[in-house]
């Protein structure tokens, strides 16, 4: 990729970027939030057309108008947010858009299953082609995404933040899969914030900062501290001293709580816990084991099938979402695009989503004060280093990490007594 420049309204995402990747290497692409990593890879995958610059594959210049062009040239992408149909089987998702057909032009499901099973066995991915996506773990869903790429015979595979939603065990398994893909002759591009993963599997690493290519280094001879310094432009302190907490009265009590998921299956079964003022209570577990349903019940997005939720001494089990917010509950959702913000809104508008009906954002109890919203958005952007939302740009144009920072800034600025964070570091750099 030579001299790639890509602009969006109010944002120069890639500024004359040159990236050279060797055949059959694992090449990491490192950069802080909004550095332009995903944009650059989206250009390579044909999702975006660059404003200037050229792309060469095996020394030959190519023109990518869409992802189909990239796929035809052997480029595949495993997206951070999976592109799977939940009520389709593994096999159906793998072949979707490139289905094997019978002589009558119909879907040859038997051939699809056979192909999916053969690829799974070849790469040791251990997926069941007959299972539906909604019934398998997040880690397994990612394997299906990988198989989709392999089914289309990709030689260059882009992984966009692949470990963001995986458990430690699943991360180790993914690293093994990447090594195996490299052994089979594939070239891997790995977008990540996680320095230990770069050290584990990559030979070289290219660093982007604010849309510009800073350097390409050999991973084996470059420390994690140096990689972090190149990424953010300053020395990074990895050692943080945590002050002793001052534990106060009970803020939240959950009593014998049961919650069903969207399919009517019990996801949370008779759970009880309490959280006190000044305390950080962690909830660990493999993704898909009731965490999402638990947070939905706490915040009012769903109703529990049994049990009580007591917040600051009051039973809030049947209260609305707004009533819980008014009482001092804040939440950073695990799915920022669905529950955290409105992509078409500005930073200021999203920052006021939960209190837009209060002064200073409303005048005479009727009219919204957009100027006050934008001023608040600018103040939060400065305080929390939120980038990409300048001059009224839509929040959807910002990087995922900056979107997450915006949501965290909004929730922290509301003076809540209870903060609920669901996967808060998803998409965030060091």
Protein backbone atom coordinates (compact mmCIF):
# COMPACT_ATOMS: atom_id res chain seq x y z
CA UNK A 1 0.00 0.00 0.00
CA UNK A 2 1.75 3.13 -1.25
CA UNK A 3 0.84 6.69 -0.29
CA UNK A 4 -2.70 5.86 0.84
CA UNK A 5 -4.77 8.90 1.83
CA UNK A 6 -8.38 8.65 2.98
CA UNK A 7 -10.50 11.55 4.20
CA UNK A 8 -13.88 11.64 5.87
CA UNK A 9 -15.84 14.79 6.81
CA UNK A 10 -13.73 16.59 9.44
CA UNK A 11 -11.29 13.64 9.69
CA UNK A 12 -8.08 12.78 7.82
CA UNK A 13 -8.04 9.06 8.64
CA UNK A 14 -5.00 8.04 6.57
CA UNK A 15 -2.36 10.59 5.58
CA UNK A 16 -0.03 9.37 2.82
CA UNK A 17 0.41 5.96 4.48
CA UNK A 18 2.78 3.36 3.03
CA UNK A 19 2.59 -0.21 4.32
CA UNK A 20 4.68 -3.10 2.99
CA UNK A 21 3.84 -6.65 4.05
CA UNK A 22 5.97 -9.68 3.21
CA UNK A 23 4.44 -12.91 1.95
CA UNK A 24 3.71 -15.48 4.68
CA UNK A 25 4.47 -13.18 7.62
CA UNK A 26 2.32 -12.18 10.57
CA UNK A 27 2.37 -8.39 10.39
CA UNK A 28 0.83 -6.43 13.25
CA UNK A 29 -0.76 -3.01 12.78
CA UNK A 30 -0.60 -1.02 16.01
CA UNK A 31 -2.06 2.35 16.88
CA UNK A 32 -4.11 4.13 19.50
CA UNK A 33 -7.80 4.91 19.12
CA UNK A 34 -8.47 6.84 15.92
CA UNK A 35 -5.02 6.22 14.47
CA UNK A 36 -6.50 4.97 11.19
CA UNK A 37 -5.79 1.24 11.43
CA UNK A 38 -9.26 -0.05 10.60
CA UNK A 39 -9.66 2.55 7.83
CA UNK A 40 -6.41 1.42 6.21
CA UNK A 41 -7.46 -2.22 6.34
CA UNK A 42 -10.93 -1.34 5.05
CA UNK A 43 -9.19 0.25 2.06
CA UNK A 44 -7.24 -2.97 1.52
CA UNK A 45 -10.45 -5.01 1.77
CA UNK A 46 -12.26 -2.77 -0.72
CA UNK A 47 -14.77 -1.35 1.76
CA UNK A 48 -13.37 2.16 1.22
CA UNK A 49 -11.86 3.71 -1.90
CA UNK A 50 -8.73 5.75 -1.13
CA UNK A 51 -8.59 9.40 -2.17
CA UNK A 52 -5.05 8.80 -3.40
CA UNK A 53 -2.39 6.12 -3.39
CA UNK A 54 -2.03 2.69 -4.96
CA UNK A 55 -2.29 -0.92 -3.80
CA UNK A 56 -0.09 -3.72 -5.11
CA UNK A 57 -0.60 -7.45 -4.59
CA UNK A 58 2.39 -9.61 -5.53
CA UNK A 59 4.01 -6.59 -7.21
CA UNK A 60 0.95 -5.98 -9.42
CA UNK A 61 -1.17 -2.85 -9.05
CA UNK A 62 -4.82 -3.58 -8.29
CA UNK A 63 -7.98 -1.48 -8.08
CA UNK A 64 -10.43 -2.52 -5.38
CA UNK A 65 -13.92 -1.10 -5.86
CA UNK A 66 -15.62 -3.33 -3.30
CA UNK A 67 -14.97 -6.36 -1.03
CA UNK A 68 -15.85 -8.73 -3.87
CA UNK A 69 -12.83 -7.44 -5.78
CA UNK A 70 -10.64 -8.04 -2.72
CA UNK A 71 -12.05 -11.53 -2.23
CA UNK A 72 -11.33 -12.40 -5.86
CA UNK A 73 -7.70 -11.39 -5.27
CA UNK A 74 -7.40 -13.61 -2.19
CA UNK A 75 -7.91 -10.97 0.51
CA UNK A 76 -10.18 -11.83 3.43
CA UNK A 77 -11.15 -9.99 6.61
CA UNK A 78 -12.25 -11.28 10.00
CA UNK A 79 -14.23 -8.34 11.37
CA UNK A 80 -14.25 -7.23 15.01
CA UNK A 81 -18.05 -7.20 14.88
CA UNK A 82 -18.99 -10.52 13.34
CA UNK A 83 -21.05 -10.57 10.13
CA UNK A 84 -23.07 -13.69 10.93
CA UNK A 85 -26.77 -14.56 10.64
CA UNK A 86 -27.79 -15.76 14.09
CA UNK A 87 -30.54 -18.18 13.06
CA UNK A 88 -28.49 -19.78 10.27
CA UNK A 89 -26.28 -22.80 10.83
CA UNK A 90 -22.49 -22.69 10.82
CA UNK A 91 -22.38 -24.24 7.34
CA UNK A 92 -24.99 -21.83 5.95
CA UNK A 93 -23.02 -18.84 7.25
CA UNK A 94 -19.74 -20.10 5.84
CA UNK A 95 -21.05 -20.44 2.28
CA UNK A 96 -23.46 -17.46 2.37
CA UNK A 97 -23.04 -15.49 -0.85
CA UNK A 98 -20.92 -18.22 -2.46
CA UNK A 99 -23.22 -21.21 -2.03
CA UNK A 100 -22.58 -24.54 -3.75
CA UNK A 101 -25.49 -25.32 -6.06
CA UNK A 102 -27.16 -28.50 -7.26
CA UNK A 103 -27.57 -29.12 -10.98
CA UNK A 104 -31.00 -27.54 -10.60
CA UNK A 105 -29.51 -24.29 -9.26
CA UNK A 106 -30.62 -24.87 -5.66
CA UNK A 107 -28.53 -24.65 -2.49
CA UNK A 108 -26.56 -27.86 -2.06
CA UNK A 109 -26.65 -27.98 1.73
CA UNK A 110 -24.95 -31.37 1.84
CA UNK A 111 -21.99 -30.03 -0.12
CA UNK A 112 -21.89 -26.94 2.11
CA UNK A 113 -21.70 -29.07 5.25
CA UNK A 114 -19.01 -31.26 3.71
CA UNK A 115 -16.91 -28.25 2.74
CA UNK A 116 -17.34 -26.64 6.18
CA UNK A 117 -16.36 -29.85 7.94
CA UNK A 118 -13.33 -30.37 5.70
CA UNK A 119 -12.02 -26.85 6.38
CA UNK A 120 -12.71 -27.21 10.09
CA UNK A 121 -10.75 -30.47 10.21
CA UNK A 122 -7.88 -29.12 8.10
CA UNK A 123 -7.27 -26.16 10.40
CA UNK A 124 -8.29 -27.82 13.66
CA UNK A 125 -11.10 -25.35 14.31
CA UNK A 126 -13.51 -27.98 15.66
CA UNK A 127 -16.83 -26.40 14.69
CA UNK A 128 -20.08 -28.28 14.17
CA UNK A 129 -21.53 -27.30 10.75
CA UNK A 130 -25.08 -28.14 11.90
CA UNK A 131 -25.17 -25.84 14.94
CA UNK A 132 -26.90 -22.47 14.74
CA UNK A 133 -24.81 -19.37 15.39
CA UNK A 134 -27.10 -18.29 18.25
CA UNK A 135 -26.26 -21.51 20.10
CA UNK A 136 -22.45 -21.32 20.02
CA UNK A 137 -19.94 -19.25 22.00
CA UNK A 138 -18.38 -16.00 20.81
CA UNK A 139 -15.07 -17.80 20.33
CA UNK A 140 -16.73 -20.38 18.10
CA UNK A 141 -18.49 -17.63 16.15
CA UNK A 142 -15.11 -16.10 15.42
CA UNK A 143 -13.92 -19.46 14.10
CA UNK A 144 -16.88 -19.43 11.72
CA UNK A 145 -15.74 -16.00 10.50
CA UNK A 146 -12.27 -17.45 9.89
CA UNK A 147 -13.77 -20.40 8.00
CA UNK A 148 -15.80 -17.98 5.85
CA UNK A 149 -12.54 -16.36 4.79
CA UNK A 150 -10.80 -19.70 4.18
CA UNK A 151 -13.77 -21.00 2.18
CA UNK A 152 -13.25 -18.08 -0.20
CA UNK A 153 -9.59 -19.15 -0.56
CA UNK A 154 -8.00 -16.09 1.00
CA UNK A 155 -4.21 -15.92 1.07
CA UNK A 156 -4.05 -12.56 2.87
CA UNK A 157 -6.18 -12.54 6.03
CA UNK A 158 -6.90 -9.37 8.03
CA UNK A 159 -7.84 -9.79 11.70
CA UNK A 160 -9.47 -6.64 13.12
CA UNK A 161 -9.15 -6.57 16.93
CA UNK A 162 -9.78 -10.35 17.02
CA UNK A 163 -9.40 -10.86 20.78
CA UNK A 164 -11.69 -8.04 21.95
CA UNK A 165 -14.47 -10.38 23.13
CA UNK A 166 -12.54 -13.59 23.81
CA UNK A 167 -11.66 -15.30 27.07
CA UNK A 168 -7.96 -15.89 27.90
CA UNK A 169 -8.26 -19.53 26.82
CA UNK A 170 -9.91 -18.53 23.54
CA UNK A 171 -7.16 -15.96 22.95
CA UNK A 172 -4.50 -18.65 23.35
CA UNK A 173 -6.41 -20.86 20.92
CA UNK A 174 -6.67 -18.01 18.40
CA UNK A 175 -2.92 -17.41 18.59
CA UNK A 176 -2.42 -21.11 17.77
CA UNK A 177 -4.82 -20.78 14.82
CA UNK A 178 -2.88 -17.77 13.49
CA UNK A 179 0.38 -19.72 13.74
CA UNK A 180 -1.21 -22.64 11.89
CA UNK A 181 -2.53 -20.35 9.15
CA UNK A 182 0.95 -18.94 8.72
CA UNK A 183 2.37 -22.47 8.55
CA UNK A 184 -0.14 -23.22 5.77
CA UNK A 185 1.26 -20.32 3.75
CA UNK A 186 -1.17 -17.54 4.65
CA UNK A 187 -0.14 -13.92 5.15
CA UNK A 188 -1.68 -12.39 8.28
CA UNK A 189 -2.40 -8.74 9.08
CA UNK A 190 -3.25 -8.32 12.76
CA UNK A 191 -4.90 -5.12 14.03
CA UNK A 192 -4.60 -4.97 17.80
CA UNK A 193 -3.96 -2.77 20.83
CA UNK A 194 -2.58 -5.67 22.84
CA UNK A 195 1.19 -5.60 22.94
CA UNK A 196 1.58 -9.10 24.38
CA UNK A 197 -0.31 -10.56 21.41
CA UNK A 198 2.00 -8.77 18.99
CA UNK A 199 5.01 -10.19 20.83
CA UNK A 200 3.43 -13.66 20.76
CA UNK A 201 2.77 -14.09 17.03
CA UNK A 202 4.02 -11.21 14.87
CA UNK A 203 7.36 -10.90 13.08
CA UNK A 204 7.02 -7.22 12.24
CA UNK A 205 4.83 -4.39 13.48
CA UNK A 206 3.83 -1.14 11.77
CA UNK A 207 2.73 1.73 13.99
CA UNK A 208 0.16 4.36 13.00
CA UNK A 209 -0.36 7.58 14.93
CA UNK A 210 -3.04 10.13 14.05
CA UNK A 211 -3.33 8.81 10.52
CA UNK A 212 0.39 8.73 9.74
CA UNK A 213 2.81 5.82 9.51
CA UNK A 214 5.39 6.22 12.28
CA UNK A 215 7.63 3.18 11.84
CA UNK A 216 7.84 -0.52 11.06
CA UNK A 217 9.90 -2.53 13.54
CA UNK A 218 11.06 -6.09 14.12
CA UNK A 219 8.98 -7.42 17.00
CA UNK A 220 11.67 -9.71 18.40
CA UNK A 221 14.05 -6.81 19.06
CA UNK A 222 11.48 -4.24 20.23
CA UNK A 223 10.17 -4.17 23.81
CA UNK A 224 6.52 -3.71 24.75
CA UNK A 225 7.45 -0.40 26.38
CA UNK A 226 9.00 0.83 23.12
CA UNK A 227 5.97 -0.30 21.10
CA UNK A 228 3.68 1.60 23.48
CA UNK A 229 5.87 4.70 23.23
CA UNK A 230 5.77 4.57 19.42
CA UNK A 231 2.00 4.14 19.52
CA UNK A 232 1.15 7.14 21.72
CA UNK A 233 4.21 9.34 21.22
CA UNK A 234 5.34 9.35 24.84
CA UNK A 235 6.55 6.99 27.54
CA UNK A 236 3.76 4.86 29.03
CA UNK A 237 3.67 3.89 32.70
CA UNK A 238 2.56 0.26 33.00
CA UNK A 239 2.74 0.27 36.79
CA UNK A 240 -0.17 1.94 38.59
CA UNK A 241 -0.46 2.03 42.36
CA UNK A 242 -3.99 1.53 43.60
CA UNK A 243 -5.02 3.31 46.80
CA UNK A 244 -6.78 1.34 49.52
CA UNK A 245 -10.58 1.68 49.07
CA UNK A 246 -12.86 3.22 51.68
CA UNK A 247 -15.80 0.83 51.85
CA UNK A 248 -19.15 2.35 52.83
CA UNK A 249 -22.78 1.30 53.03
CA UNK A 250 -24.48 -1.17 50.70
CA UNK A 251 -25.50 0.49 47.42
CA UNK A 252 -26.82 -2.48 45.44
CA UNK A 253 -28.44 -5.70 46.57
CA UNK A 254 -29.48 -8.46 44.17
CA UNK A 255 -31.70 -11.08 45.80
CA UNK A 256 -32.39 -14.47 44.19
CA UNK A 257 -32.46 -12.97 40.71
CA UNK A 258 -33.42 -15.07 37.68
CA UNK A 259 -33.45 -13.71 34.14
CA UNK A 260 -34.39 -15.32 30.84
CA UNK A 261 -32.70 -14.62 27.53
CA UNK A 262 -34.45 -13.65 24.29
CA UNK A 263 -35.32 -17.29 23.59
CA UNK A 264 -36.97 -17.85 26.95
CA UNK A 265 -34.09 -19.86 28.39
CA UNK A 266 -32.92 -19.07 31.93
CA UNK A 267 -29.60 -17.24 31.61
CA UNK A 268 -29.31 -16.03 35.23
CA UNK A 269 -30.47 -18.51 37.85
CA UNK A 270 -31.14 -17.46 41.46
CA UNK A 271 -28.24 -15.00 41.70
CA UNK A 272 -27.60 -12.97 44.86
CA UNK A 273 -24.87 -10.40 45.50
CA UNK A 274 -24.27 -6.97 47.01
CA UNK A 275 -22.04 -4.02 46.20
CA UNK A 276 -20.96 -1.41 48.74
CA UNK A 277 -19.93 2.21 48.26
CA UNK A 278 -16.26 2.53 47.29
CA UNK A 279 -16.09 -1.08 46.15
CA UNK A 280 -15.27 -2.52 42.73
CA UNK A 281 -16.99 -5.87 42.26
CA UNK A 282 -15.79 -7.89 39.27
CA UNK A 283 -17.95 -10.49 37.54
CA UNK A 284 -15.90 -13.03 35.59
CA UNK A 285 -17.00 -15.76 33.24
CA UNK A 286 -16.92 -17.02 29.70
CA UNK A 287 -18.87 -14.68 27.42
CA UNK A 288 -22.45 -15.84 26.89
CA UNK A 289 -23.07 -17.19 30.38
CA UNK A 290 -25.65 -14.67 31.56
CA UNK A 291 -23.58 -11.51 31.91
CA UNK A 292 -25.53 -9.60 29.25
CA UNK A 293 -28.89 -10.66 30.67
CA UNK A 294 -27.78 -9.71 34.19
CA UNK A 295 -26.76 -6.20 33.09
CA UNK A 296 -30.02 -5.81 31.14
CA UNK A 297 -32.02 -6.67 34.27
CA UNK A 298 -29.98 -4.29 36.46
CA UNK A 299 -30.42 -1.37 34.09
CA UNK A 300 -34.08 -1.98 33.25
CA UNK A 301 -33.68 -3.17 29.67
CA UNK A 302 -35.37 -6.44 30.61
CA UNK A 303 -37.54 -7.70 33.45
CA UNK A 304 -36.33 -10.53 35.68
CA UNK A 305 -38.46 -13.66 35.95
CA UNK A 306 -37.83 -13.82 39.71
CA UNK A 307 -36.01 -12.00 42.49
CA UNK A 308 -35.42 -8.39 43.54
CA UNK A 309 -33.01 -5.56 42.80
CA UNK A 310 -32.49 -3.11 45.68
CA UNK A 311 -30.67 0.16 44.86
CA UNK A 312 -29.86 2.62 47.65
CA UNK A 313 -32.41 0.91 49.85
CA UNK A 314 -35.26 1.02 47.30
CA UNK A 315 -36.75 -1.87 45.34
CA UNK A 316 -36.20 -0.88 41.70
CA UNK A 317 -37.13 -4.22 40.11
CA UNK A 318 -40.12 -2.71 38.32
CA UNK A 319 -38.78 0.81 37.74
CA UNK A 320 -38.11 2.20 34.27
CA UNK A 321 -34.68 2.88 32.81
CA UNK A 322 -35.06 6.65 33.30
CA UNK A 323 -36.10 6.20 36.92
CA UNK A 324 -32.96 4.18 37.59
CA UNK A 325 -30.81 6.81 35.90
CA UNK A 326 -32.48 9.52 38.00
CA UNK A 327 -31.62 7.53 41.13
CA UNK A 328 -27.93 7.53 40.21
CA UNK A 329 -27.31 4.43 38.09
CA UNK A 330 -24.94 4.68 35.10
CA UNK A 331 -23.99 1.99 32.60
CA UNK A 332 -21.38 1.47 29.90
CA UNK A 333 -22.97 -1.19 27.70
CA UNK A 334 -20.96 -3.97 26.07
CA UNK A 335 -22.57 -3.15 22.70
CA UNK A 336 -21.90 0.54 22.18
CA UNK A 337 -23.45 0.65 18.72
CA UNK A 338 -26.82 -0.73 19.87
CA UNK A 339 -27.18 0.69 23.36
CA UNK A 340 -24.46 3.30 23.91
CA UNK A 341 -24.90 6.00 21.31
CA UNK A 342 -26.66 7.15 18.16
CA UNK A 343 -24.23 7.05 15.24
CA UNK A 344 -25.93 9.94 13.42
CA UNK A 345 -25.70 12.24 16.47
CA UNK A 346 -22.79 14.54 17.27
CA UNK A 347 -20.58 14.14 20.34
CA UNK A 348 -22.58 16.83 22.10
CA UNK A 349 -25.91 15.19 21.32
CA UNK A 350 -24.70 11.77 22.45
CA UNK A 351 -23.21 13.26 25.60
CA UNK A 352 -26.68 14.58 26.50
CA UNK A 353 -28.63 11.43 25.64
CA UNK A 354 -29.49 10.64 29.25
CA UNK A 355 -30.25 14.14 30.50
CA UNK A 356 -31.28 16.12 27.42
CA UNK A 357 -34.56 17.03 29.14
CA UNK A 358 -32.77 18.91 31.93
CA UNK A 359 -31.03 22.29 32.10
CA UNK A 360 -28.75 23.43 30.58
CA UNK A 361 -29.79 21.30 27.59
CA UNK A 362 -33.43 22.42 27.53
CA UNK A 363 -34.94 25.89 27.64
CA UNK A 364 -38.43 26.65 28.93
CA UNK A 365 -38.91 22.88 29.42
CA UNK A 366 -39.62 22.57 25.68
CA UNK A 367 -36.75 23.62 23.41
CA UNK A 368 -33.45 21.78 23.16
CA UNK A 369 -30.37 23.99 23.45
CA UNK A 370 -28.01 22.53 20.84
CA UNK A 371 -25.33 25.10 21.66
CA UNK A 372 -25.25 23.95 25.29
CA UNK A 373 -25.01 20.33 24.13
CA UNK A 374 -22.10 21.06 21.81
CA UNK A 375 -20.30 23.04 24.51
CA UNK A 376 -20.65 20.11 26.90
CA UNK A 377 -19.43 17.76 24.17
CA UNK A 378 -16.35 19.92 23.58
CA UNK A 379 -15.57 20.00 27.30
CA UNK A 380 -15.84 16.21 27.59
CA UNK A 381 -13.72 15.78 24.45
CA UNK A 382 -10.96 17.86 25.99
CA UNK A 383 -11.19 16.22 29.41
CA UNK A 384 -11.22 12.65 28.07
CA UNK A 385 -9.20 13.14 24.85
CA UNK A 386 -12.06 12.14 22.53
CA UNK A 387 -10.97 12.55 18.91
CA UNK A 388 -12.82 12.66 15.61
CA UNK A 389 -15.99 14.44 16.69
CA UNK A 390 -14.92 18.00 15.94
CA UNK A 391 -17.07 20.58 14.15
CA UNK A 392 -20.33 18.70 14.52
CA UNK A 393 -19.14 15.45 12.92
CA UNK A 394 -21.32 12.40 13.43
CA UNK A 395 -20.19 10.04 16.19
CA UNK A 396 -20.48 7.12 13.79
CA UNK A 397 -17.47 8.48 11.89
CA UNK A 398 -15.23 8.16 14.95
CA UNK A 399 -13.14 5.09 15.70
CA UNK A 400 -14.65 2.43 17.95
CA UNK A 401 -12.26 3.34 20.74
CA UNK A 402 -13.24 7.01 20.64
CA UNK A 403 -16.91 6.05 20.62
CA UNK A 404 -16.29 3.97 23.75
CA UNK A 405 -14.41 6.84 25.39
CA UNK A 406 -17.36 9.16 24.65
CA UNK A 407 -19.77 6.78 26.36
CA UNK A 408 -17.51 6.39 29.39
CA UNK A 409 -17.10 10.18 29.60
CA UNK A 410 -20.86 10.69 29.54
CA UNK A 411 -21.54 8.12 32.25
CA UNK A 412 -18.75 9.36 34.53
CA UNK A 413 -19.89 12.98 34.18
CA UNK A 414 -23.39 12.31 35.51
CA UNK A 415 -22.44 11.97 39.18
CA UNK A 416 -23.85 8.45 39.53
CA UNK A 417 -23.48 6.46 42.74
CA UNK A 418 -23.42 3.12 40.89
CA UNK A 419 -21.40 2.58 37.73
CA UNK A 420 -21.98 -0.61 35.73
CA UNK A 421 -19.25 -1.38 33.19
CA UNK A 422 -19.83 -4.24 30.74
CA UNK A 423 -16.65 -5.00 28.77
CA UNK A 424 -15.48 -1.37 29.23
CA UNK A 425 -12.03 -1.77 27.65
CA UNK A 426 -13.35 -3.22 24.37
CA UNK A 427 -11.64 -1.25 21.61
CA UNK A 428 -9.45 0.84 23.93
CA UNK A 429 -5.66 1.22 23.68
CA UNK A 430 -3.17 1.43 26.53
